[in-house]
Amino acid sequence: MSSPSPSAMALAGGRASAAPTLIWTALIVVYLLWGSTYLAIRIAVETLPPLLSATLRFAVAGLILAVVLRLRRGPGALRVDRRQLGSAALVGVLLLAGGNGLVVLAESGPPGVAVPSGIAALLVATVPLLVVLLRSATGDRPPIWTFAGVTVGFVGLVLLVLPGGGSAAVPLLGALTVVTAAASWSVGSFLSGRIRMPADPFVATVYEMVAGALVLAVVAAARGELADFHPAAVSTRSWLALGYLMVAGSLVAFTAYVWLLQKAPISLVSTYAYVNPAVAVALGALLVAEPITPQVLFGGAVIVAGVALVVTTERPRRAGTGSRSGDTPVRDRQ
């Protein structure tokens, strides 16, 4: 999963106009790069310990972003108060350790155990649907068509993970792990608009990445990943995939996303939630021969339709009440 800063959603309310060409260029960047992170995760965990790979990804990306902010803005660039720091840390743990970390775990392992990257992206696409349920549980009243979209999306989820038999069946445990990741990402996204976050989205992201990386490192150590890690045993393609996740997923696509929130309608920006899965499924099939069965196509199409209905229905709503998914994304996603 890729990880846009939660406080960035607040910036959408004060959009300034921008050339349509620039907006669509940034959208394509987000569509392709965030959609490709699911496949990059799968390649990275071929020879890298899963949670250690996620730790390295966010630690390095957060450090790079912190250095850039310090150089461009001066000594006080990263200054926040204690409450803002705690809020950013909480959201970072939910998004990156819970959301992205669980997706990474689900995509690791041998065939038949690991969730294909395209399936993971489709499951993470349920994040906007889960956020609607969280809003409803806390007293909000989304439109009836929003609930219709949620229902359609979850029907698609059931269709996707129903036992289909054969080697192409979606691993149930892995699917449940991704759904749990999506739930963690949803809670983080939901809380980010309701607690006091750093005002600058880039600063918030630095602390989110640091907090997520710290928790991931602790869990990786508890799982024995650090003790068993041998850099020489990691393939070149896994290192390259990790570098791609750091730069393309966590820095380039994120920057484009934050810019879009300031320049484009939130309803247009939100379309990444149902374009990313299509990109992930296509790349998985083309590059690593992940199977695309009729069940995957049908269940995935129903999920995407449900998400599209929610995004379309939510257009009149303010950006701060919307949802946000990655990465995974989960995670940066993804």
C-alpha atoms as a PDB file:
ATOM      1  CA  MET A   1       0.000   0.000   0.000  1.00  0.00           C
ATOM      2  CA  SER A   2       1.219   3.520  -0.629  1.00  0.00           C
ATOM      3  CA  SER A   3       0.781   6.132   2.307  1.00  0.00           C
ATOM      4  CA  PRO A   4      -0.444   9.696   1.683  1.00  0.00           C
ATOM      5  CA  SER A   5      -0.458  11.886   4.761  1.00  0.00           C
ATOM      6  CA  PRO A   6      -3.840  11.895   6.514  1.00  0.00           C
ATOM      7  CA  SER A   7      -3.731  15.632   7.121  1.00  0.00           C
ATOM      8  CA  ALA A   8      -3.282  16.173   3.410  1.00  0.00           C
ATOM      9  CA  MET A   9      -6.989  15.559   2.988  1.00  0.00           C
ATOM     10  CA  ALA A  10      -7.668  18.903   4.649  1.00  0.00           C
ATOM     11  CA  LEU A  11      -5.807  20.716   1.911  1.00  0.00           C
ATOM     12  CA  ALA A  12      -8.409  19.815  -0.665  1.00  0.00           C
ATOM     13  CA  GLY A  13     -10.790  22.424   0.605  1.00  0.00           C
ATOM     14  CA  GLY A  14      -8.538  25.261  -0.593  1.00  0.00           C
ATOM     15  CA  ARG A  15      -7.792  24.144  -4.135  1.00  0.00           C
ATOM     16  CA  ALA A  16      -6.248  26.430  -6.680  1.00  0.00           C
ATOM     17  CA  SER A  17      -6.811  25.872 -10.359  1.00  0.00           C
ATOM     18  CA  ALA A  18      -4.219  24.074 -12.476  1.00  0.00           C
ATOM     19  CA  ALA A  19      -3.858  23.163 -16.122  1.00  0.00           C
ATOM     20  CA  PRO A  20      -5.843  19.998 -17.015  1.00  0.00           C
ATOM     21  CA  THR A  21      -2.707  18.534 -18.606  1.00  0.00           C
ATOM     22  CA  LEU A  22      -0.807  18.798 -15.325  1.00  0.00           C
ATOM     23  CA  ILE A  23      -3.715  17.347 -13.352  1.00  0.00           C
ATOM     24  CA  TRP A  24      -4.025  14.345 -15.628  1.00  0.00           C
ATOM     25  CA  THR A  25      -0.262  13.821 -15.643  1.00  0.00           C
ATOM     26  CA  ALA A  26      -0.274  13.685 -11.853  1.00  0.00           C
ATOM     27  CA  LEU A  27      -3.299  11.378 -11.875  1.00  0.00           C
ATOM     28  CA  ILE A  28      -1.594   8.965 -14.262  1.00  0.00           C
ATOM     29  CA  VAL A  29       1.463   8.960 -12.000  1.00  0.00           C
ATOM     30  CA  VAL A  30      -0.713   8.000  -9.020  1.00  0.00           C
ATOM     31  CA  TYR A  31      -2.687   5.444 -11.039  1.00  0.00           C
ATOM     32  CA  LEU A  32       0.381   3.636 -12.364  1.00  0.00           C
ATOM     33  CA  LEU A  33       2.848   3.944  -9.492  1.00  0.00           C
ATOM     34  CA  TRP A  34       0.463   3.103  -6.672  1.00  0.00           C
ATOM     35  CA  GLY A  35      -1.102   0.361  -8.765  1.00  0.00           C
ATOM     36  CA  SER A  36       2.341  -1.130  -9.397  1.00  0.00           C
ATOM     37  CA  THR A  37       3.420  -1.193  -5.755  1.00  0.00           C
ATOM     38  CA  TYR A  38       1.515  -4.428  -5.108  1.00  0.00           C
ATOM     39  CA  LEU A  39       3.622  -6.249  -7.678  1.00  0.00           C
ATOM     40  CA  ALA A  40       6.782  -4.575  -6.356  1.00  0.00           C
ATOM     41  CA  ILE A  41       5.953  -5.860  -2.862  1.00  0.00           C
ATOM     42  CA  ARG A  42       5.571  -9.383  -4.175  1.00  0.00           C
ATOM     43  CA  ILE A  43       8.970  -9.208  -5.900  1.00  0.00           C
ATOM     44  CA  ALA A  44      10.660  -7.628  -2.874  1.00  0.00           C
ATOM     45  CA  VAL A  45       9.517 -10.377  -0.493  1.00  0.00           C
ATOM     46  CA  GLU A  46      10.785 -13.152  -2.774  1.00  0.00           C
ATOM     47  CA  THR A  47      14.145 -12.969  -0.979  1.00  0.00           C
ATOM     48  CA  LEU A  48      13.717 -10.161   1.576  1.00  0.00           C
ATOM     49  CA  PRO A  49      12.062 -10.839   4.957  1.00  0.00           C
ATOM     50  CA  PRO A  50       8.600  -9.282   4.574  1.00  0.00           C
ATOM     51  CA  LEU A  51       8.366  -6.979   7.577  1.00  0.00           C
ATOM     52  CA  LEU A  52      12.039  -6.048   7.362  1.00  0.00           C
ATOM     53  CA  SER A  53      11.489  -4.956   3.768  1.00  0.00           C
ATOM     54  CA  ALA A  54       8.605  -2.744   4.879  1.00  0.00           C
ATOM     55  CA  THR A  55      10.748  -1.352   7.716  1.00  0.00           C
ATOM     56  CA  LEU A  56      13.526  -0.398   5.318  1.00  0.00           C
ATOM     57  CA  ARG A  57      11.089   1.098   2.855  1.00  0.00           C
ATOM     58  CA  PHE A  58       9.469   3.517   5.260  1.00  0.00           C
ATOM     59  CA  ALA A  59      12.580   4.287   7.302  1.00  0.00           C
ATOM     60  CA  VAL A  60      14.574   5.307   4.233  1.00  0.00           C
ATOM     61  CA  ALA A  61      11.679   7.176   2.589  1.00  0.00           C
ATOM     62  CA  GLY A  62      10.940   9.031   5.823  1.00  0.00           C
ATOM     63  CA  LEU A  63      14.599   9.953   6.282  1.00  0.00           C
ATOM     64  CA  ILE A  64      14.872  11.256   2.718  1.00  0.00           C
ATOM     65  CA  LEU A  65      11.724  13.356   3.115  1.00  0.00           C
ATOM     66  CA  ALA A  66      12.940  14.719   6.466  1.00  0.00           C
ATOM     67  CA  VAL A  67      16.295  15.729   4.982  1.00  0.00           C
ATOM     68  CA  VAL A  68      14.622  17.441   2.021  1.00  0.00           C
ATOM     69  CA  LEU A  69      12.292  19.395   4.307  1.00  0.00           C
ATOM     70  CA  ARG A  70      15.183  20.390   6.571  1.00  0.00           C
ATOM     71  CA  LEU A  71      17.284  21.611   3.658  1.00  0.00           C
ATOM     72  CA  ARG A  72      14.449  23.528   1.991  1.00  0.00           C
ATOM     73  CA  ARG A  73      12.749  25.046   5.037  1.00  0.00           C
ATOM     74  CA  GLY A  74      15.399  25.364   7.704  1.00  0.00           C
ATOM     75  CA  PRO A  75      15.893  24.067  11.270  1.00  0.00           C
ATOM     76  CA  GLY A  76      12.260  24.381  12.350  1.00  0.00           C
ATOM     77  CA  ALA A  77      10.812  22.470   9.411  1.00  0.00           C
ATOM     78  CA  LEU A  78       9.850  19.393  11.429  1.00  0.00           C
ATOM     79  CA  ARG A  79       8.726  21.148  14.621  1.00  0.00           C
ATOM     80  CA  VAL A  80       5.423  19.868  16.023  1.00  0.00           C
ATOM     81  CA  ASP A  81       3.890  19.776  19.485  1.00  0.00           C
ATOM     82  CA  ARG A  82       3.571  16.625  21.557  1.00  0.00           C
ATOM     83  CA  ARG A  83      -0.075  16.049  20.693  1.00  0.00           C
ATOM     84  CA  GLN A  84       0.550  16.372  16.957  1.00  0.00           C
ATOM     85  CA  LEU A  85       3.491  13.982  17.236  1.00  0.00           C
ATOM     86  CA  GLY A  86       1.380  11.408  19.065  1.00  0.00           C
ATOM     87  CA  SER A  87      -1.434  11.698  16.527  1.00  0.00           C
ATOM     88  CA  ALA A  88       0.906  11.301  13.566  1.00  0.00           C
ATOM     89  CA  ALA A  89       2.572   8.327  15.232  1.00  0.00           C
ATOM     90  CA  LEU A  90      -0.789   6.621  15.884  1.00  0.00           C
ATOM     91  CA  VAL A  91      -1.945   7.135  12.308  1.00  0.00           C
ATOM     92  CA  GLY A  92       1.421   5.961  10.976  1.00  0.00           C
ATOM     93  CA  VAL A  93       1.224   2.745  12.966  1.00  0.00           C
ATOM     94  CA  LEU A  94      -2.312   2.044  11.763  1.00  0.00           C
ATOM     95  CA  LEU A  95      -1.573   2.859   8.114  1.00  0.00           C
ATOM     96  CA  LEU A  96       1.954   1.566   7.651  1.00  0.00           C
ATOM     97  CA  ALA A  97       2.503  -1.116  10.301  1.00  0.00           C
ATOM     98  CA  GLY A  98      -1.065  -2.429  10.323  1.00  0.00           C
ATOM     99  CA  GLY A  99      -2.204  -1.568   6.814  1.00  0.00           C
ATOM    100  CA  ASN A 100       0.917  -2.012   4.732  1.00  0.00           C
ATOM    101  CA  GLY A 101       2.687  -4.508   6.997  1.00  0.00           C
ATOM    102  CA  LEU A 102      -0.148  -7.023   6.860  1.00  0.00           C
ATOM    103  CA  VAL A 103      -0.386  -6.711   3.067  1.00  0.00           C
ATOM    104  CA  VAL A 104       3.334  -7.451   2.824  1.00  0.00           C
ATOM    105  CA  LEU A 105       2.888 -10.527   5.022  1.00  0.00           C
ATOM    106  CA  ALA A 106      -0.077 -11.706   2.961  1.00  0.00           C
ATOM    107  CA  GLU A 107       1.918 -11.428  -0.279  1.00  0.00           C
ATOM    108  CA  SER A 108       4.888 -13.388   1.110  1.00  0.00           C
ATOM    109  CA  GLY A 109       5.201 -17.151   1.133  1.00  0.00           C
ATOM    110  CA  PRO A 110       4.996 -19.969  -1.394  1.00  0.00           C
ATOM    111  CA  PRO A 111       2.337 -20.246  -4.133  1.00  0.00           C
ATOM    112  CA  GLY A 112      -0.986 -21.287  -2.684  1.00  0.00           C
ATOM    113  CA  VAL A 113      -0.212 -19.413   0.535  1.00  0.00           C
ATOM    114  CA  ALA A 114       0.754 -15.970  -0.717  1.00  0.00           C
ATOM    115  CA  VAL A 115      -2.010 -13.716  -2.011  1.00  0.00           C
ATOM    116  CA  PRO A 116      -1.399 -12.655  -5.645  1.00  0.00           C
ATOM    117  CA  SER A 117      -0.618  -8.953  -5.967  1.00  0.00           C
ATOM    118  CA  GLY A 118      -3.705  -8.255  -8.077  1.00  0.00           C
ATOM    119  CA  ILE A 119      -5.999  -9.925  -5.549  1.00  0.00           C
ATOM    120  CA  ALA A 120      -4.380  -7.959  -2.717  1.00  0.00           C
ATOM    121  CA  ALA A 121      -5.082  -4.709  -4.568  1.00  0.00           C
ATOM    122  CA  LEU A 122      -8.709  -5.668  -5.117  1.00  0.00           C
ATOM    123  CA  LEU A 123      -9.145  -6.483  -1.438  1.00  0.00           C
ATOM    124  CA  VAL A 124      -7.502  -3.222  -0.354  1.00  0.00           C
ATOM    125  CA  ALA A 125      -9.952  -1.379  -2.614  1.00  0.00           C
ATOM    126  CA  THR A 126     -12.562  -2.039   0.086  1.00  0.00           C
ATOM    127  CA  VAL A 127     -11.014   0.737   2.232  1.00  0.00           C
ATOM    128  CA  PRO A 128     -13.513   3.432   1.111  1.00  0.00           C
ATOM    129  CA  LEU A 129     -16.314   1.025   1.948  1.00  0.00           C
ATOM    130  CA  LEU A 130     -14.943   0.335   5.432  1.00  0.00           C
ATOM    131  CA  VAL A 131     -14.554   4.060   6.108  1.00  0.00           C
ATOM    132  CA  VAL A 132     -18.254   4.561   5.329  1.00  0.00           C
ATOM    133  CA  LEU A 133     -19.117   1.959   7.978  1.00  0.00           C
ATOM    134  CA  LEU A 134     -16.864   3.714  10.499  1.00  0.00           C
ATOM    135  CA  ARG A 135     -18.552   7.025   9.739  1.00  0.00           C
ATOM    136  CA  SER A 136     -21.966   5.447  10.251  1.00  0.00           C
ATOM    137  CA  ALA A 137     -20.892   3.893  13.551  1.00  0.00           C
ATOM    138  CA  THR A 138     -19.902   7.332  14.889  1.00  0.00           C
ATOM    139  CA  GLY A 139     -23.154   9.103  14.047  1.00  0.00           C
ATOM    140  CA  ASP A 140     -22.627  10.245  10.465  1.00  0.00           C
ATOM    141  CA  ARG A 141     -25.443   9.618   7.991  1.00  0.00           C
ATOM    142  CA  PRO A 142     -24.057   8.833   4.548  1.00  0.00           C
ATOM    143  CA  PRO A 143     -26.526   8.920   1.614  1.00  0.00           C
ATOM    144  CA  ILE A 144     -28.510   5.781   0.817  1.00  0.00           C
ATOM    145  CA  TRP A 145     -26.565   5.315  -2.418  1.00  0.00           C
ATOM    146  CA  THR A 146     -23.359   5.254  -0.397  1.00  0.00           C
ATOM    147  CA  PHE A 147     -24.727   2.314   1.565  1.00  0.00           C
ATOM    148  CA  ALA A 148     -25.748   0.702  -1.714  1.00  0.00           C
ATOM    149  CA  GLY A 149     -22.154   1.019  -2.900  1.00  0.00           C
ATOM    150  CA  VAL A 150     -20.888  -0.508   0.343  1.00  0.00           C
ATOM    151  CA  THR A 151     -23.266  -3.450  -0.063  1.00  0.00           C
ATOM    152  CA  VAL A 152     -22.223  -4.014  -3.670  1.00  0.00           C
ATOM    153  CA  GLY A 153     -18.555  -3.814  -2.720  1.00  0.00           C
ATOM    154  CA  PHE A 154     -18.835  -6.376   0.048  1.00  0.00           C
ATOM    155  CA  VAL A 155     -20.792  -8.737  -2.197  1.00  0.00           C
ATOM    156  CA  GLY A 156     -17.836  -8.531  -4.553  1.00  0.00           C
ATOM    157  CA  LEU A 157     -15.481  -9.264  -1.663  1.00  0.00           C
ATOM    158  CA  VAL A 158     -17.426 -12.421  -0.797  1.00  0.00           C
ATOM    159  CA  LEU A 159     -17.445 -13.515  -4.441  1.00  0.00           C
ATOM    160  CA  LEU A 160     -13.696 -12.949  -4.676  1.00  0.00           C
ATOM    161  CA  VAL A 161     -12.749 -15.125  -1.696  1.00  0.00           C
ATOM    162  CA  LEU A 162     -15.343 -17.883  -2.087  1.00  0.00           C
ATOM    163  CA  PRO A 163     -13.559 -21.240  -2.435  1.00  0.00           C
ATOM    164  CA  GLY A 164     -13.215 -21.938  -6.116  1.00  0.00           C
ATOM    165  CA  GLY A 165     -10.998 -24.991  -6.050  1.00  0.00           C
ATOM    166  CA  GLY A 166      -7.804 -25.495  -8.004  1.00  0.00           C
ATOM    167  CA  SER A 167      -4.455 -23.740  -7.718  1.00  0.00           C
ATOM    168  CA  ALA A 168      -5.980 -20.419  -8.723  1.00  0.00           C
ATOM    169  CA  ALA A 169      -8.202 -20.228  -5.621  1.00  0.00           C
ATOM    170  CA  VAL A 170      -7.597 -17.201  -3.399  1.00  0.00           C
ATOM    171  CA  PRO A 171      -5.874 -18.299  -0.130  1.00  0.00           C
ATOM    172  CA  LEU A 172      -8.493 -17.651   2.550  1.00  0.00           C
ATOM    173  CA  LEU A 173      -6.045 -16.890   5.396  1.00  0.00           C
ATOM    174  CA  GLY A 174      -4.095 -14.505   3.191  1.00  0.00           C
ATOM    175  CA  ALA A 175      -7.302 -12.827   2.031  1.00  0.00           C
ATOM    176  CA  LEU A 176      -8.424 -12.337   5.629  1.00  0.00           C
ATOM    177  CA  THR A 177      -5.002 -10.870   6.423  1.00  0.00           C
ATOM    178  CA  VAL A 178      -5.408  -8.311   3.625  1.00  0.00           C
ATOM    179  CA  VAL A 179      -8.937  -7.454   4.765  1.00  0.00           C
ATOM    180  CA  THR A 180      -7.546  -6.915   8.279  1.00  0.00           C
ATOM    181  CA  ALA A 181      -4.901  -4.650   6.746  1.00  0.00           C
ATOM    182  CA  ALA A 182      -7.614  -2.721   4.928  1.00  0.00           C
ATOM    183  CA  ALA A 183      -9.507  -2.344   8.210  1.00  0.00           C
ATOM    184  CA  SER A 184      -6.390  -0.981   9.938  1.00  0.00           C
ATOM    185  CA  TRP A 185      -5.817   1.444   7.052  1.00  0.00           C
ATOM    186  CA  SER A 186      -9.462   2.508   7.222  1.00  0.00           C
ATOM    187  CA  VAL A 187      -9.288   3.242  10.952  1.00  0.00           C
ATOM    188  CA  GLY A 188      -6.105   5.255  10.435  1.00  0.00           C
ATOM    189  CA  SER A 189      -7.670   7.197   7.578  1.00  0.00           C
ATOM    190  CA  PHE A 190     -10.830   7.794   9.592  1.00  0.00           C
ATOM    191  CA  LEU A 191      -8.998   9.006  12.698  1.00  0.00           C
ATOM    192  CA  SER A 192      -6.686  11.271  10.729  1.00  0.00           C
ATOM    193  CA  GLY A 193      -9.539  13.688  10.038  1.00  0.00           C
ATOM    194  CA  ARG A 194     -10.686  13.718  13.656  1.00  0.00           C
ATOM    195  CA  ILE A 195      -7.517  14.129  15.718  1.00  0.00           C
ATOM    196  CA  ARG A 196      -4.981  16.930  15.815  1.00  0.00           C
ATOM    197  CA  MET A 197      -2.398  16.210  13.132  1.00  0.00           C
ATOM    198  CA  PRO A 198       0.604  18.336  12.037  1.00  0.00           C
ATOM    199  CA  ALA A 199      -0.693  21.060   9.727  1.00  0.00           C
ATOM    200  CA  ASP A 200       1.862  20.321   7.000  1.00  0.00           C
ATOM    201  CA  PRO A 201       1.128  17.013   5.229  1.00  0.00           C
ATOM    202  CA  PHE A 202       4.786  16.371   4.417  1.00  0.00           C
ATOM    203  CA  VAL A 203       5.822  16.829   8.047  1.00  0.00           C
ATOM    204  CA  ALA A 204       3.004  14.527   9.159  1.00  0.00           C
ATOM    205  CA  THR A 205       4.198  11.911   6.700  1.00  0.00           C
ATOM    206  CA  VAL A 206       7.740  11.990   8.097  1.00  0.00           C
ATOM    207  CA  TYR A 207       6.484  11.118  11.575  1.00  0.00           C
ATOM    208  CA  GLU A 208       4.021   8.550  10.237  1.00  0.00           C
ATOM    209  CA  MET A 209       6.805   6.770   8.361  1.00  0.00           C
ATOM    210  CA  VAL A 210       9.166   6.852  11.343  1.00  0.00           C
ATOM    211  CA  ALA A 211       6.515   5.494  13.721  1.00  0.00           C
ATOM    212  CA  GLY A 212       5.409   2.819  11.265  1.00  0.00           C
ATOM    213  CA  ALA A 213       9.001   1.768  10.606  1.00  0.00           C
ATOM    214  CA  LEU A 214       9.769   1.499  14.336  1.00  0.00           C
ATOM    215  CA  VAL A 215       6.784  -0.756  15.012  1.00  0.00           C
ATOM    216  CA  LEU A 216       7.521  -2.857  11.924  1.00  0.00           C
ATOM    217  CA  ALA A 217      11.142  -3.247  13.078  1.00  0.00           C
ATOM    218  CA  VAL A 218      10.037  -4.459  16.525  1.00  0.00           C
ATOM    219  CA  VAL A 219       7.616  -7.004  15.050  1.00  0.00           C
ATOM    220  CA  ALA A 220      10.205  -8.108  12.467  1.00  0.00           C
ATOM    221  CA  ALA A 221      12.724  -8.684  15.275  1.00  0.00           C
ATOM    222  CA  ALA A 222      10.147 -10.636  17.298  1.00  0.00           C
ATOM    223  CA  ARG A 223       9.536 -12.847  14.253  1.00  0.00           C
ATOM    224  CA  GLY A 224      13.266 -13.540  13.942  1.00  0.00           C
ATOM    225  CA  GLU A 225      13.577 -11.688  10.634  1.00  0.00           C
ATOM    226  CA  LEU A 226      16.567  -9.611  11.749  1.00  0.00           C
ATOM    227  CA  ALA A 227      18.535 -12.594  13.038  1.00  0.00           C
ATOM    228  CA  ASP A 228      17.898 -14.579   9.858  1.00  0.00           C
ATOM    229  CA  PHE A 229      18.622 -11.707   7.488  1.00  0.00           C
ATOM    230  CA  HIS A 230      21.614 -12.174   5.181  1.00  0.00           C
ATOM    231  CA  PRO A 231      22.016  -9.341   2.638  1.00  0.00           C
ATOM    232  CA  ALA A 232      24.055 -11.537   0.308  1.00  0.00           C
ATOM    233  CA  ALA A 233      21.085 -13.893  -0.033  1.00  0.00           C
ATOM    234  CA  VAL A 234      18.821 -11.143  -1.357  1.00  0.00           C
ATOM    235  CA  SER A 235      18.385 -11.147  -5.125  1.00  0.00           C
ATOM    236  CA  THR A 236      19.073  -8.113  -7.271  1.00  0.00           C
ATOM    237  CA  ARG A 237      15.438  -7.960  -8.354  1.00  0.00           C
ATOM    238  CA  SER A 238      14.258  -7.847  -4.729  1.00  0.00           C
ATOM    239  CA  TRP A 239      16.642  -4.970  -3.952  1.00  0.00           C
ATOM    240  CA  LEU A 240      15.464  -3.142  -7.062  1.00  0.00           C
ATOM    241  CA  ALA A 241      11.810  -3.694  -6.097  1.00  0.00           C
ATOM    242  CA  LEU A 242      12.503  -2.310  -2.617  1.00  0.00           C
ATOM    243  CA  GLY A 243      14.183   0.751  -4.113  1.00  0.00           C
ATOM    244  CA  TYR A 244      11.208   1.218  -6.416  1.00  0.00           C
ATOM    245  CA  LEU A 245       8.832   1.105  -3.443  1.00  0.00           C
ATOM    246  CA  MET A 246      10.897   3.696  -1.576  1.00  0.00           C
ATOM    247  CA  VAL A 247      11.177   6.152  -4.435  1.00  0.00           C
ATOM    248  CA  ALA A 248       8.194   5.592  -6.716  1.00  0.00           C
ATOM    249  CA  GLY A 249       5.590   4.493  -4.167  1.00  0.00           C
ATOM    250  CA  SER A 250       6.540   6.461  -1.060  1.00  0.00           C
ATOM    251  CA  LEU A 251       7.986   9.672  -2.511  1.00  0.00           C
ATOM    252  CA  VAL A 252       7.044  10.370  -6.146  1.00  0.00           C
ATOM    253  CA  ALA A 253       3.427   9.145  -6.113  1.00  0.00           C
ATOM    254  CA  PHE A 254       2.826  10.635  -2.687  1.00  0.00           C
ATOM    255  CA  THR A 255       4.024  14.061  -3.831  1.00  0.00           C
ATOM    256  CA  ALA A 256       1.757  13.870  -6.874  1.00  0.00           C
ATOM    257  CA  TYR A 257      -1.169  12.890  -4.644  1.00  0.00           C
ATOM    258  CA  VAL A 258      -0.659  15.780  -2.232  1.00  0.00           C
ATOM    259  CA  TRP A 259      -0.429  18.214  -5.165  1.00  0.00           C
ATOM    260  CA  LEU A 260      -3.634  16.784  -6.637  1.00  0.00           C
ATOM    261  CA  LEU A 261      -5.502  17.299  -3.367  1.00  0.00           C
ATOM    262  CA  GLN A 262      -4.741  21.010  -3.669  1.00  0.00           C
ATOM    263  CA  LYS A 263      -5.426  21.375  -7.401  1.00  0.00           C
ATOM    264  CA  ALA A 264      -8.161  18.925  -8.432  1.00  0.00           C
ATOM    265  CA  PRO A 265     -11.685  17.984  -7.283  1.00  0.00           C
ATOM    266  CA  ILE A 266     -11.578  15.304  -4.589  1.00  0.00           C
ATOM    267  CA  SER A 267     -14.052  13.199  -6.583  1.00  0.00           C
ATOM    268  CA  LEU A 268     -11.519  13.026  -9.416  1.00  0.00           C
ATOM    269  CA  VAL A 269      -8.550  12.349  -7.139  1.00  0.00           C
ATOM    270  CA  SER A 270     -10.489   9.559  -5.400  1.00  0.00           C
ATOM    271  CA  THR A 271     -10.702   7.580  -8.630  1.00  0.00           C
ATOM    272  CA  TYR A 272      -7.312   6.067  -7.773  1.00  0.00           C
ATOM    273  CA  ALA A 273      -9.204   3.818  -5.330  1.00  0.00           C
ATOM    274  CA  TYR A 274     -10.662   1.820  -8.178  1.00  0.00           C
ATOM    275  CA  VAL A 275      -8.035   2.362 -10.884  1.00  0.00           C
ATOM    276  CA  ASN A 276      -5.147   1.016  -8.807  1.00  0.00           C
ATOM    277  CA  PRO A 277      -6.633  -2.512  -8.566  1.00  0.00           C
ATOM    278  CA  ALA A 278      -7.049  -2.708 -12.346  1.00  0.00           C
ATOM    279  CA  VAL A 279      -3.410  -1.697 -12.820  1.00  0.00           C
ATOM    280  CA  ALA A 280      -2.269  -4.229 -10.211  1.00  0.00           C
ATOM    281  CA  VAL A 281      -4.229  -7.110 -11.746  1.00  0.00           C
ATOM    282  CA  ALA A 282      -2.964  -6.306 -15.227  1.00  0.00           C
ATOM    283  CA  LEU A 283       0.691  -6.027 -14.154  1.00  0.00           C
ATOM    284  CA  GLY A 284       0.502  -9.216 -12.112  1.00  0.00           C
ATOM    285  CA  ALA A 285      -0.873 -11.135 -15.076  1.00  0.00           C
ATOM    286  CA  LEU A 286       1.537  -9.661 -17.625  1.00  0.00           C
ATOM    287  CA  LEU A 287       4.785  -9.704 -15.666  1.00  0.00           C
ATOM    288  CA  VAL A 288       4.573 -12.663 -13.256  1.00  0.00           C
ATOM    289  CA  ALA A 289       1.745 -14.702 -14.808  1.00  0.00           C
ATOM    290  CA  GLU A 290      -0.658 -14.367 -11.900  1.00  0.00           C
ATOM    291  CA  PRO A 291      -3.851 -16.223 -12.801  1.00  0.00           C
ATOM    292  CA  ILE A 292      -6.957 -14.249 -13.725  1.00  0.00           C
ATOM    293  CA  THR A 293      -9.947 -16.534 -13.384  1.00  0.00           C
ATOM    294  CA  PRO A 294     -13.569 -15.679 -14.204  1.00  0.00           C
ATOM    295  CA  GLN A 295     -14.209 -15.588 -10.452  1.00  0.00           C
ATOM    296  CA  VAL A 296     -11.437 -13.003  -9.972  1.00  0.00           C
ATOM    297  CA  LEU A 297     -12.732 -10.907 -12.848  1.00  0.00           C
ATOM    298  CA  PHE A 298     -16.328 -10.999 -11.666  1.00  0.00           C
ATOM    299  CA  GLY A 299     -15.642 -10.477  -7.959  1.00  0.00           C
ATOM    300  CA  GLY A 300     -13.111  -7.739  -8.708  1.00  0.00           C
ATOM    301  CA  ALA A 301     -15.494  -5.970 -11.061  1.00  0.00           C
ATOM    302  CA  VAL A 302     -18.223  -5.985  -8.406  1.00  0.00           C
ATOM    303  CA  ILE A 303     -15.823  -4.538  -5.792  1.00  0.00           C
ATOM    304  CA  VAL A 304     -14.689  -1.792  -8.154  1.00  0.00           C
ATOM    305  CA  ALA A 305     -18.310  -1.001  -9.034  1.00  0.00           C
ATOM    306  CA  GLY A 306     -19.169  -0.643  -5.355  1.00  0.00           C
ATOM    307  CA  VAL A 307     -16.187   1.646  -4.714  1.00  0.00           C
ATOM    308  CA  ALA A 308     -17.037   3.710  -7.801  1.00  0.00           C
ATOM    309  CA  LEU A 309     -20.609   4.140  -6.549  1.00  0.00           C
ATOM    310  CA  VAL A 310     -19.378   5.296  -3.136  1.00  0.00           C
ATOM    311  CA  VAL A 311     -16.872   7.755  -4.627  1.00  0.00           C
ATOM    312  CA  THR A 312     -19.470   9.159  -7.029  1.00  0.00           C
ATOM    313  CA  THR A 313     -22.121   9.514  -4.319  1.00  0.00           C
ATOM    314  CA  GLU A 314     -19.689  11.211  -1.941  1.00  0.00           C
ATOM    315  CA  ARG A 315     -18.794  14.010  -4.386  1.00  0.00           C
ATOM    316  CA  PRO A 316     -20.657  16.753  -2.532  1.00  0.00           C
ATOM    317  CA  ARG A 317     -18.887  15.904   0.710  1.00  0.00           C
ATOM    318  CA  ARG A 318     -15.925  17.756   2.071  1.00  0.00           C
ATOM    319  CA  ALA A 319     -12.514  16.180   1.579  1.00  0.00           C
ATOM    320  CA  GLY A 320     -11.975  15.814   5.313  1.00  0.00           C
ATOM    321  CA  THR A 321     -14.793  13.259   5.535  1.00  0.00           C
ATOM    322  CA  GLY A 322     -13.586  11.190   2.638  1.00  0.00           C
ATOM    323  CA  SER A 323     -11.519   8.033   2.622  1.00  0.00           C
ATOM    324  CA  ARG A 324      -8.033   7.289   1.612  1.00  0.00           C
ATOM    325  CA  SER A 325      -6.395   4.011   0.532  1.00  0.00           C
ATOM    326  CA  GLY A 326      -2.964   3.085  -1.078  1.00  0.00           C
ATOM    327  CA  ASP A 327      -0.427   0.880  -0.954  1.00  0.00           C
ATOM    328  CA  THR A 328      -1.671  -0.511  -0.324  1.00  0.00           C
ATOM    329  CA  PRO A 329      -2.333   0.243  -0.053  1.00  0.00           C
ATOM    330  CA  VAL A 330      -2.445  -0.107   1.428  1.00  0.00           C
ATOM    331  CA  ARG A 331       0.267   1.123   2.810  1.00  0.00           C
ATOM    332  CA  ASP A 332       2.527   2.692   1.233  1.00  0.00           C
ATOM    333  CA  ARG A 333      -0.571   1.095   0.152  1.00  0.00           C
ATOM    334  CA  GLN A 334       1.544  -0.108  -0.682  1.00  0.00           C
END
